[in-house]
Amino acid sequence: MSTQELPLISVIVPIYNSEKYLDRCIDSICNQSYHNLEVILVNDGSKDKSLSICENFAKKDSRIQIIDIPNGGVSNARNTGLKAAKGEFIQFLDSDDFMTPKYIEVLYNCIKKEDDVDFVICGIKSLNNELQELGYEEAGNHIIDLKHPDEDVFFQLFDKFLMFGPVNKLFKRELLLENDILFDISLSYGEDLLFNLEYLRLISKVVITNEVYWCYIQDNTNSLSSKRLDDKFQIVERLHAEILTFLKTKQMDSLRFKALLHQRMFDCGYNDFAAIPRDSSLSFSEKKSKLKKLLNSPSLVESYTFIEPKKYANWIVFLMKHKLSLPYLFITKLL
């Protein structure tokens, strides 16, 4: 099949102060074995040389389109690119990551394996900036009918965090546009999982492949994932509820799935409980109020049933279960 006969695939890259990684990122798109691409680079108000790097690439490759917008966050940048896209399929790429040369070709071939396939998910290889491998997660090769989904495969996708981001996936643009699926710009965390769940509710079949993998760079200290978020626990509560609702509609809300999700809920609560007393920007009364709100969360209380005690300090778990925030504040002040 010639390039002219292949459908157009739009690659959307949100960019913010990414000069350190951007050459490698864009170069990996331009050198894909699948050539019929529309490359949408959304410069999200970068203050470094990111825009200049984009412009230099655009001079050499006519497939590149640059959209320069004021800084509004990664979700707004992705939405901007999505609204401008003209491709039959959508591929998202983060500006500090990159693709292997046959990445898009393999995902496209996967989505054409059977009728009614609307979604492809691949594995993720984690690397440091010297490209040394730090880990690899994949869920095998499967074609999943979502009317009768394979719980074992879906458990792997959630357990290995393969379901959470938009980048190791290929979407159909028509389905996104017809159903007004966009990233929630009000969220500072988890908006990509909600985007994926909304899409999953619409489709019939999904292909899981380990033929290629997403190259995820872990050592970008400016990334959102490396920062502590004040509202993270509240967002995790919402994600927790959304995942459970999705699993229930697909008849996959088994005990092991609930245990996995509740353990992650407790992890988040435990980390917040440890971090709040050390937050120098908060007064004593603000710390007390935040801890009280955290410990009164029904989702956190429910998670206590599923925790693995060996993973945590017993005295902290005891204080959390008995909602002893005031003694905890005094203890942490002495430590």
Protein backbone atom coordinates (compact mmCIF):
# COMPACT_ATOMS: atom_id res chain seq x y z
CA MET A 1 0.00 0.00 0.00
CA SER A 2 1.44 3.38 -1.02
CA THR A 3 1.74 6.37 1.32
CA GLN A 4 -1.14 8.04 -0.54
CA GLU A 5 -3.44 5.08 0.21
CA LEU A 6 -2.59 4.96 3.90
CA PRO A 7 -4.87 6.98 6.20
CA LEU A 8 -3.54 10.17 7.75
CA ILE A 9 -2.44 9.81 11.38
CA SER A 10 -2.18 12.93 13.54
CA VAL A 11 0.61 13.00 16.13
CA ILE A 12 -0.07 15.58 18.85
CA VAL A 13 2.81 16.81 21.02
CA PRO A 14 2.20 19.26 23.90
CA ILE A 15 5.42 21.16 24.58
CA TYR A 16 6.49 23.20 27.58
CA ASN A 17 10.14 24.12 28.25
CA SER A 18 11.36 20.90 26.64
CA GLU A 19 14.51 22.06 24.84
CA LYS A 20 16.61 19.33 26.50
CA TYR A 21 14.53 16.51 24.98
CA LEU A 22 12.72 18.03 22.01
CA ASP A 23 15.17 17.26 19.19
CA ARG A 24 15.07 13.56 20.01
CA CYS A 25 11.28 13.60 20.36
CA ILE A 26 10.50 15.30 17.02
CA ASP A 27 13.23 13.42 15.20
CA SER A 28 11.66 10.12 16.29
CA ILE A 29 8.34 11.19 14.70
CA CYS A 30 9.86 12.41 11.45
CA ASN A 31 11.77 9.13 11.05
CA GLN A 32 8.76 6.84 11.44
CA SER A 33 8.41 4.05 8.88
CA TYR A 34 4.75 5.12 8.55
CA HIS A 35 5.01 8.32 6.49
CA ASN A 36 1.47 9.68 6.11
CA LEU A 37 1.58 11.75 9.27
CA GLU A 38 0.37 15.13 10.41
CA VAL A 39 2.68 16.33 13.22
CA ILE A 40 1.02 18.91 15.47
CA LEU A 41 3.46 20.60 17.84
CA VAL A 42 1.60 22.64 20.45
CA ASN A 43 3.98 25.06 22.14
CA ASP A 44 2.36 25.76 25.50
CA GLY A 45 3.97 29.12 26.28
CA SER A 46 7.52 27.76 26.59
CA LYS A 47 10.12 30.21 27.92
CA ASP A 48 13.14 28.32 26.62
CA LYS A 49 14.19 27.50 23.04
CA SER A 50 11.41 24.95 22.44
CA LEU A 51 9.55 27.09 19.88
CA SER A 52 12.74 27.77 17.93
CA ILE A 53 13.49 24.03 17.82
CA CYS A 54 9.98 23.37 16.47
CA GLU A 55 10.40 26.05 13.81
CA ASN A 56 13.70 24.54 12.65
CA PHE A 57 12.09 21.13 12.21
CA ALA A 58 9.10 22.65 10.39
CA LYS A 59 11.44 24.19 7.80
CA LYS A 60 12.73 20.69 6.98
CA ASP A 61 9.47 18.69 7.15
CA SER A 62 6.22 19.95 5.61
CA ARG A 63 4.17 17.52 7.71
CA ILE A 64 4.84 19.62 10.81
CA GLN A 65 2.31 22.18 12.00
CA ILE A 66 3.15 24.48 14.92
CA ILE A 67 0.48 25.92 17.20
CA ASP A 68 1.82 28.54 19.62
CA ILE A 69 -0.49 29.26 22.59
CA PRO A 70 -0.19 30.93 26.02
CA ASN A 71 0.63 28.52 28.81
CA GLY A 72 -2.54 26.69 29.83
CA GLY A 73 -1.33 23.26 30.90
CA VAL A 74 -0.86 19.92 29.19
CA SER A 75 -4.59 19.10 28.93
CA ASN A 76 -5.37 22.38 27.20
CA ALA A 77 -2.44 21.84 24.83
CA ARG A 78 -3.60 18.33 23.95
CA ASN A 79 -7.16 19.57 23.41
CA THR A 80 -5.85 22.34 21.14
CA GLY A 81 -3.98 19.79 19.05
CA LEU A 82 -6.97 17.45 18.95
CA LYS A 83 -9.28 20.19 17.68
CA ALA A 84 -6.80 21.06 14.91
CA ALA A 85 -6.13 17.45 13.87
CA LYS A 86 -7.37 16.11 10.53
CA GLY A 87 -6.10 12.53 10.72
CA GLU A 88 -8.25 9.41 10.83
CA PHE A 89 -6.27 8.29 13.88
CA ILE A 90 -4.76 10.17 16.82
CA GLN A 91 -1.43 9.46 18.50
CA PHE A 92 -0.29 11.51 21.50
CA LEU A 93 3.38 11.98 22.34
CA ASP A 94 4.93 13.77 25.32
CA SER A 95 7.80 16.08 24.44
CA ASP A 96 10.33 14.35 26.69
CA ASP A 97 9.57 10.87 25.29
CA PHE A 98 10.15 9.31 21.87
CA MET A 99 9.02 6.59 19.47
CA THR A 100 10.90 3.64 18.05
CA PRO A 101 11.06 3.75 14.20
CA LYS A 102 8.19 1.31 13.45
CA TYR A 103 6.00 2.35 16.37
CA ILE A 104 3.11 3.96 14.45
CA GLU A 105 3.25 1.38 11.63
CA VAL A 106 2.79 -1.47 14.12
CA LEU A 107 -0.07 0.26 15.97
CA TYR A 108 -1.83 1.00 12.68
CA ASN A 109 -1.49 -2.64 11.56
CA CYS A 110 -2.95 -3.71 14.93
CA ILE A 111 -6.03 -1.54 14.56
CA LYS A 112 -6.65 -3.12 11.15
CA LYS A 113 -6.46 -6.70 12.43
CA GLU A 114 -10.22 -7.14 12.80
CA ASP A 115 -13.42 -5.24 12.11
CA ASP A 116 -14.65 -3.01 14.95
CA VAL A 117 -11.21 -2.50 16.50
CA ASP A 118 -11.14 1.11 17.68
CA PHE A 119 -8.25 1.20 20.14
CA VAL A 120 -4.67 -0.10 20.44
CA ILE A 121 -2.59 -0.26 23.62
CA CYS A 122 1.08 -1.24 23.78
CA GLY A 123 3.71 -1.70 26.46
CA ILE A 124 5.93 0.94 28.04
CA LYS A 125 9.71 0.86 28.41
CA SER A 126 11.09 3.24 31.05
CA LEU A 127 14.49 4.77 30.34
CA ASN A 128 16.74 7.39 31.87
CA ASN A 129 18.04 10.24 29.73
CA GLU A 130 21.12 8.18 28.80
CA LEU A 131 18.62 5.62 27.38
CA GLN A 132 19.51 2.98 29.96
CA GLU A 133 16.53 0.70 30.55
CA LEU A 134 14.88 1.06 33.97
CA GLY A 135 11.92 -1.26 33.43
CA TYR A 136 9.46 -2.67 30.92
CA GLU A 137 5.75 -3.35 31.33
CA GLU A 138 3.50 -5.11 28.80
CA ALA A 139 0.32 -7.19 28.78
CA GLY A 140 0.96 -9.60 25.90
CA ASN A 141 -0.92 -9.81 22.59
CA HIS A 142 -4.73 -9.90 22.73
CA ILE A 143 -7.86 -8.83 20.91
CA ILE A 144 -10.46 -7.98 23.55
CA ASP A 145 -14.19 -7.86 22.88
CA LEU A 146 -15.49 -5.32 25.38
CA LYS A 147 -18.90 -6.98 25.49
CA HIS A 148 -17.16 -9.92 27.17
CA PRO A 149 -13.79 -8.53 28.34
CA ASP A 150 -10.95 -10.65 29.64
CA GLU A 151 -10.54 -9.63 33.28
CA ASP A 152 -7.02 -11.05 33.52
CA VAL A 153 -5.81 -8.80 30.70
CA PHE A 154 -7.57 -5.72 32.08
CA PHE A 155 -6.11 -6.42 35.50
CA GLN A 156 -2.63 -6.35 33.95
CA LEU A 157 -3.39 -3.06 32.19
CA PHE A 158 -4.37 -1.40 35.48
CA ASP A 159 -1.79 -3.17 37.64
CA LYS A 160 1.06 -2.19 35.31
CA PHE A 161 -0.25 1.37 34.74
CA LEU A 162 -0.66 0.74 31.00
CA MET A 163 -4.21 2.15 31.03
CA PHE A 164 -3.40 5.50 32.59
CA GLY A 165 -1.67 7.76 30.03
CA PRO A 166 -2.78 8.60 26.46
CA VAL A 167 0.63 8.07 24.88
CA ASN A 168 0.96 4.29 24.48
CA LYS A 169 -2.29 4.18 22.52
CA LEU A 170 -3.86 4.83 19.12
CA PHE A 171 -7.34 6.42 19.01
CA LYS A 172 -9.91 6.98 16.26
CA ARG A 173 -10.43 10.72 15.83
CA GLU A 174 -14.05 10.37 14.66
CA LEU A 175 -15.09 8.69 17.92
CA LEU A 176 -13.35 11.36 19.99
CA LEU A 177 -14.97 14.22 18.08
CA GLU A 178 -18.46 12.76 17.76
CA ASN A 179 -18.60 12.18 21.52
CA ASP A 180 -16.85 15.42 22.51
CA ILE A 181 -14.11 13.56 24.40
CA LEU A 182 -11.48 16.02 25.63
CA PHE A 183 -9.03 16.21 28.51
CA ASP A 184 -10.45 17.83 31.66
CA ILE A 185 -8.46 21.06 32.05
CA SER A 186 -9.68 21.52 35.64
CA LEU A 187 -7.62 18.53 36.82
CA SER A 188 -3.92 18.59 37.63
CA TYR A 189 -3.65 14.80 37.74
CA GLY A 190 -5.49 11.80 36.29
CA GLU A 191 -7.20 13.62 33.42
CA ASP A 192 -5.63 11.17 30.96
CA LEU A 193 -7.14 8.14 32.70
CA LEU A 194 -10.60 9.74 32.64
CA PHE A 195 -10.09 10.46 28.93
CA ASN A 196 -9.22 6.80 28.30
CA LEU A 197 -12.15 5.47 30.35
CA GLU A 198 -14.59 7.71 28.49
CA TYR A 199 -13.26 6.37 25.20
CA LEU A 200 -13.37 2.75 26.38
CA ARG A 201 -17.06 3.08 27.23
CA LEU A 202 -17.81 3.74 23.54
CA ILE A 203 -15.85 1.08 21.72
CA SER A 204 -16.33 -2.58 20.85
CA LYS A 205 -12.83 -4.03 20.60
CA VAL A 206 -9.32 -3.19 21.74
CA VAL A 207 -6.01 -4.70 20.61
CA ILE A 208 -3.22 -5.17 23.15
CA THR A 209 0.24 -5.62 21.65
CA ASN A 210 3.82 -6.15 22.82
CA GLU A 211 5.26 -5.87 19.30
CA VAL A 212 6.36 -2.31 20.06
CA TYR A 213 6.69 -0.24 23.21
CA TRP A 214 6.45 3.36 24.29
CA CYS A 215 9.77 4.95 25.30
CA TYR A 216 9.15 6.84 28.53
CA ILE A 217 11.93 9.03 29.94
CA GLN A 218 11.82 9.05 33.74
CA ASP A 219 14.33 11.70 34.72
CA ASN A 220 12.55 14.91 33.69
CA THR A 221 12.33 16.72 37.04
CA ASN A 222 10.04 19.38 35.53
CA SER A 223 7.32 16.87 34.71
CA LEU A 224 4.00 16.87 36.52
CA SER A 225 4.55 13.32 37.79
CA SER A 226 7.64 14.46 39.72
CA LYS A 227 5.75 17.11 41.72
CA ARG A 228 3.60 16.79 44.83
CA LEU A 229 0.06 17.99 44.20
CA ASP A 230 -2.04 19.57 46.95
CA ASP A 231 -5.26 18.16 45.50
CA LYS A 232 -3.94 14.74 44.52
CA PHE A 233 -5.87 12.74 47.13
CA GLN A 234 -9.20 14.33 46.13
CA ILE A 235 -8.47 13.56 42.49
CA VAL A 236 -7.47 9.97 43.32
CA GLU A 237 -10.82 9.57 45.11
CA ARG A 238 -12.58 10.57 41.90
CA LEU A 239 -10.43 8.26 39.77
CA HIS A 240 -11.06 5.44 42.23
CA ALA A 241 -14.83 5.87 41.86
CA GLU A 242 -14.67 6.18 38.06
CA ILE A 243 -12.59 3.00 37.67
CA LEU A 244 -14.90 1.02 39.97
CA THR A 245 -17.93 2.23 38.01
CA PHE A 246 -16.31 1.23 34.70
CA LEU A 247 -15.35 -2.21 36.04
CA LYS A 248 -18.86 -2.77 37.37
CA THR A 249 -20.45 -1.97 33.99
CA LYS A 250 -18.10 -4.51 32.40
CA GLN A 251 -18.71 -7.08 35.18
CA MET A 252 -15.05 -7.01 36.23
CA ASP A 253 -15.42 -5.59 39.75
CA SER A 254 -13.83 -8.65 41.36
CA LEU A 255 -12.22 -8.75 44.80
CA ARG A 256 -8.68 -8.65 43.37
CA PHE A 257 -9.50 -5.53 41.32
CA LYS A 258 -11.01 -3.87 44.38
CA ALA A 259 -7.98 -4.85 46.46
CA LEU A 260 -5.60 -3.32 43.88
CA LEU A 261 -7.54 -0.05 43.73
CA HIS A 262 -8.01 0.24 47.49
CA GLN A 263 -4.30 -0.43 48.08
CA ARG A 264 -3.46 2.45 45.74
CA MET A 265 -6.01 4.63 47.51
CA PHE A 266 -4.33 3.89 50.83
CA ASP A 267 -0.86 4.53 49.34
CA CYS A 268 -1.97 8.01 48.32
CA GLY A 269 -3.58 8.70 51.70
CA TYR A 270 -0.54 7.39 53.58
CA ASN A 271 1.80 9.60 51.55
CA ASP A 272 -0.39 12.64 52.14
CA PHE A 273 -0.58 11.88 55.86
CA ALA A 274 3.22 11.81 55.97
CA ALA A 275 3.69 14.92 53.80
CA ILE A 276 1.19 17.38 55.30
CA PRO A 277 3.05 17.94 58.63
CA ARG A 278 6.27 18.67 56.68
CA ASP A 279 4.65 21.29 54.46
CA SER A 280 6.21 24.56 55.64
CA SER A 281 3.69 26.64 53.67
CA LEU A 282 0.86 25.52 56.01
CA SER A 283 0.07 26.84 59.48
CA PHE A 284 -0.52 24.42 62.35
CA SER A 285 -4.28 24.87 62.09
CA GLU A 286 -4.22 24.33 58.32
CA LYS A 287 -2.25 21.12 58.77
CA LYS A 288 -4.73 19.95 61.41
CA SER A 289 -7.67 20.74 59.10
CA LYS A 290 -6.12 18.95 56.12
CA LEU A 291 -5.32 15.86 58.16
CA LYS A 292 -8.83 15.76 59.59
CA LYS A 293 -10.37 15.99 56.12
CA LEU A 294 -8.05 13.26 54.84
CA LEU A 295 -8.75 10.83 57.69
CA ASN A 296 -12.52 11.30 57.38
CA SER A 297 -12.53 10.25 53.73
CA PRO A 298 -14.90 7.24 53.30
CA SER A 299 -12.68 5.93 50.49
CA LEU A 300 -9.61 5.97 52.73
CA VAL A 301 -11.47 4.33 55.61
CA GLU A 302 -12.68 1.57 53.27
CA SER A 303 -9.13 0.99 52.02
CA TYR A 304 -7.90 -0.07 55.49
CA THR A 305 -9.41 -3.52 54.88
CA PHE A 306 -7.09 -4.11 51.93
CA ILE A 307 -3.72 -2.76 53.09
CA GLU A 308 -0.57 -4.86 53.28
CA PRO A 309 0.80 -4.07 56.80
CA LYS A 310 4.42 -4.94 56.02
CA LYS A 311 4.62 -2.05 53.54
CA TYR A 312 3.94 0.66 56.13
CA ALA A 313 5.02 1.95 59.54
CA ASN A 314 2.61 0.32 62.00
CA TRP A 315 2.43 3.35 64.30
CA ILE A 316 1.42 5.62 61.42
CA VAL A 317 -1.27 3.19 60.28
CA PHE A 318 -2.56 3.02 63.87
CA LEU A 319 -2.80 6.82 64.08
CA MET A 320 -4.57 6.99 60.72
CA LYS A 321 -7.12 4.32 61.59
CA HIS A 322 -7.94 6.00 64.89
CA LYS A 323 -7.93 9.51 63.35
CA LEU A 324 -5.28 10.77 65.77
CA SER A 325 -4.10 13.72 63.73
CA LEU A 326 -3.28 16.00 66.65
CA PRO A 327 -0.89 13.56 68.38
CA TYR A 328 0.68 12.91 64.98
CA LEU A 329 1.36 16.62 64.45
CA PHE A 330 3.09 16.87 67.84
CA ILE A 331 5.12 13.69 67.18
CA THR A 332 6.33 14.90 63.78
CA LYS A 333 7.28 18.23 65.35
CA LEU A 334 9.62 16.39 67.73
CA LEU A 335 11.16 14.13 65.09
